[in-house]
């Protein structure tokens, strides 16, 4: 007989944390550079809880870099970033535990092994 164990979600009240009470995402003057290239230049963005947002723009506009910043896969060179009330990158682990991301392309870690 198989045993099933339920996992209870963290009861941390993330809506009461951080700088913003009603924003799921808050960016202020976010900047990300790759050497001499500035991929994101002073981005301000407010996304209220429960809002669905799409990032649109031509190649090189900074859409993917912005998503990397929001998911703490990249660290901003300047600015303030907050996701679900958690400051990035300081509290990125807590923010990532509450977020899900579906990438456009397969990006499995080729060195990942199953034991």
Protein backbone atom coordinates (compact mmCIF):
# COMPACT_ATOMS: atom_id res chain seq x y z
CA UNK A 1 0.00 0.00 0.00
CA UNK A 2 1.45 3.35 -1.03
CA UNK A 3 1.73 6.10 1.52
CA UNK A 4 0.76 9.58 0.51
CA UNK A 5 2.01 12.55 2.46
CA UNK A 6 0.48 15.96 1.92
CA UNK A 7 2.71 18.97 1.87
CA UNK A 8 1.26 21.97 3.60
CA UNK A 9 2.00 25.34 2.06
CA UNK A 10 4.03 27.82 4.04
CA UNK A 11 1.69 29.99 6.07
CA UNK A 12 3.96 33.02 5.80
CA UNK A 13 1.78 36.03 5.08
CA UNK A 14 3.81 37.47 2.21
CA UNK A 15 1.27 40.17 1.46
CA UNK A 16 2.22 41.93 4.70
CA UNK A 17 5.97 41.92 4.00
CA UNK A 18 8.27 44.46 2.46
CA UNK A 19 7.82 47.86 0.89
CA UNK A 20 4.49 47.46 -0.88
CA UNK A 21 1.17 46.28 0.50
CA UNK A 22 -0.76 45.76 -2.73
CA UNK A 23 1.89 45.03 -5.32
CA UNK A 24 3.01 41.58 -6.41
CA UNK A 25 5.96 43.09 -8.29
CA UNK A 26 7.69 46.39 -7.65
CA UNK A 27 10.76 47.56 -9.54
CA UNK A 28 12.39 50.95 -9.06
CA UNK A 29 15.18 52.13 -11.37
CA UNK A 30 16.23 48.52 -12.11
CA UNK A 31 19.42 48.31 -14.17
CA UNK A 32 21.18 45.22 -15.50
CA UNK A 33 24.38 45.39 -17.50
CA UNK A 34 26.36 42.69 -19.24
CA UNK A 35 29.76 44.29 -19.68
CA UNK A 36 29.31 47.37 -21.87
CA UNK A 37 25.74 46.36 -22.83
CA UNK A 38 22.86 47.73 -20.74
CA UNK A 39 20.03 45.19 -21.07
CA UNK A 40 17.62 46.88 -18.63
CA UNK A 41 18.01 50.62 -18.11
CA UNK A 42 16.20 52.22 -15.17
CA UNK A 43 13.01 50.15 -15.33
CA UNK A 44 10.12 51.13 -13.06
CA UNK A 45 7.30 48.58 -12.89
CA UNK A 46 4.32 48.07 -10.58
CA UNK A 47 2.16 44.94 -10.93
CA UNK A 48 -0.77 44.63 -8.50
CA UNK A 49 -1.73 41.24 -7.04
CA UNK A 50 -4.04 39.28 -9.32
CA UNK A 51 -2.91 41.03 -12.51
CA UNK A 52 -1.85 39.17 -15.63
CA UNK A 53 0.94 40.93 -17.52
CA UNK A 54 2.73 40.23 -20.79
CA UNK A 55 6.13 41.63 -21.70
CA UNK A 56 6.20 42.61 -25.36
CA UNK A 57 8.99 44.09 -27.42
CA UNK A 58 11.56 43.45 -30.11
CA UNK A 59 14.61 41.24 -29.70
CA UNK A 60 17.09 42.84 -27.34
CA UNK A 61 14.48 44.98 -25.55
CA UNK A 62 15.25 43.39 -22.15
CA UNK A 63 12.23 41.11 -21.71
CA UNK A 64 14.18 37.97 -20.85
CA UNK A 65 16.60 39.89 -18.65
CA UNK A 66 13.67 41.41 -16.77
CA UNK A 67 12.25 37.93 -16.16
CA UNK A 68 15.67 36.76 -14.95
CA UNK A 69 15.75 39.66 -12.52
CA UNK A 70 12.24 38.89 -11.25
CA UNK A 71 13.07 35.21 -10.72
CA UNK A 72 16.44 35.97 -9.10
CA UNK A 73 18.32 34.18 -11.87
CA UNK A 74 20.19 37.45 -12.38
CA UNK A 75 21.03 40.20 -9.91
CA UNK A 76 20.35 43.83 -10.77
CA UNK A 77 23.34 46.15 -10.88
CA UNK A 78 21.21 49.01 -9.57
CA UNK A 79 17.71 49.66 -8.30
CA UNK A 80 15.17 48.15 -5.93
CA UNK A 81 13.35 44.93 -6.75
CA UNK A 82 10.55 43.35 -4.78
CA UNK A 83 8.49 40.25 -5.58
CA UNK A 84 5.56 39.21 -3.36
CA UNK A 85 6.84 41.56 -0.69
CA UNK A 86 10.34 40.08 -0.64
CA UNK A 87 13.38 42.17 -1.56
CA UNK A 88 15.62 40.75 -4.25
CA UNK A 89 18.26 39.44 -4.11
CA UNK A 90 18.35 39.39 -0.29
CA UNK A 91 15.10 37.43 0.11
CA UNK A 92 15.08 35.67 -3.25
CA UNK A 93 14.79 32.17 -1.78
CA UNK A 94 11.52 33.03 -0.03
CA UNK A 95 10.14 34.77 -3.13
CA UNK A 96 11.07 31.89 -5.44
CA UNK A 97 9.37 29.40 -3.12
CA UNK A 98 6.07 31.14 -3.89
CA UNK A 99 6.55 31.64 -7.65
CA UNK A 100 6.38 29.43 -10.68
CA UNK A 101 7.95 30.06 -14.06
CA UNK A 102 7.32 28.31 -17.36
CA UNK A 103 10.20 29.09 -19.75
CA UNK A 104 9.62 29.61 -23.45
CA UNK A 105 12.25 27.03 -24.37
CA UNK A 106 13.44 23.83 -22.72
CA UNK A 107 16.17 24.73 -20.28
CA UNK A 108 16.85 21.54 -18.38
CA UNK A 109 20.16 21.26 -16.60
CA UNK A 110 22.13 18.74 -18.67
CA UNK A 111 24.26 17.86 -15.65
CA UNK A 112 21.25 16.99 -13.48
CA UNK A 113 21.17 13.31 -12.53
CA UNK A 114 18.42 11.18 -11.06
CA UNK A 115 19.22 8.89 -8.17
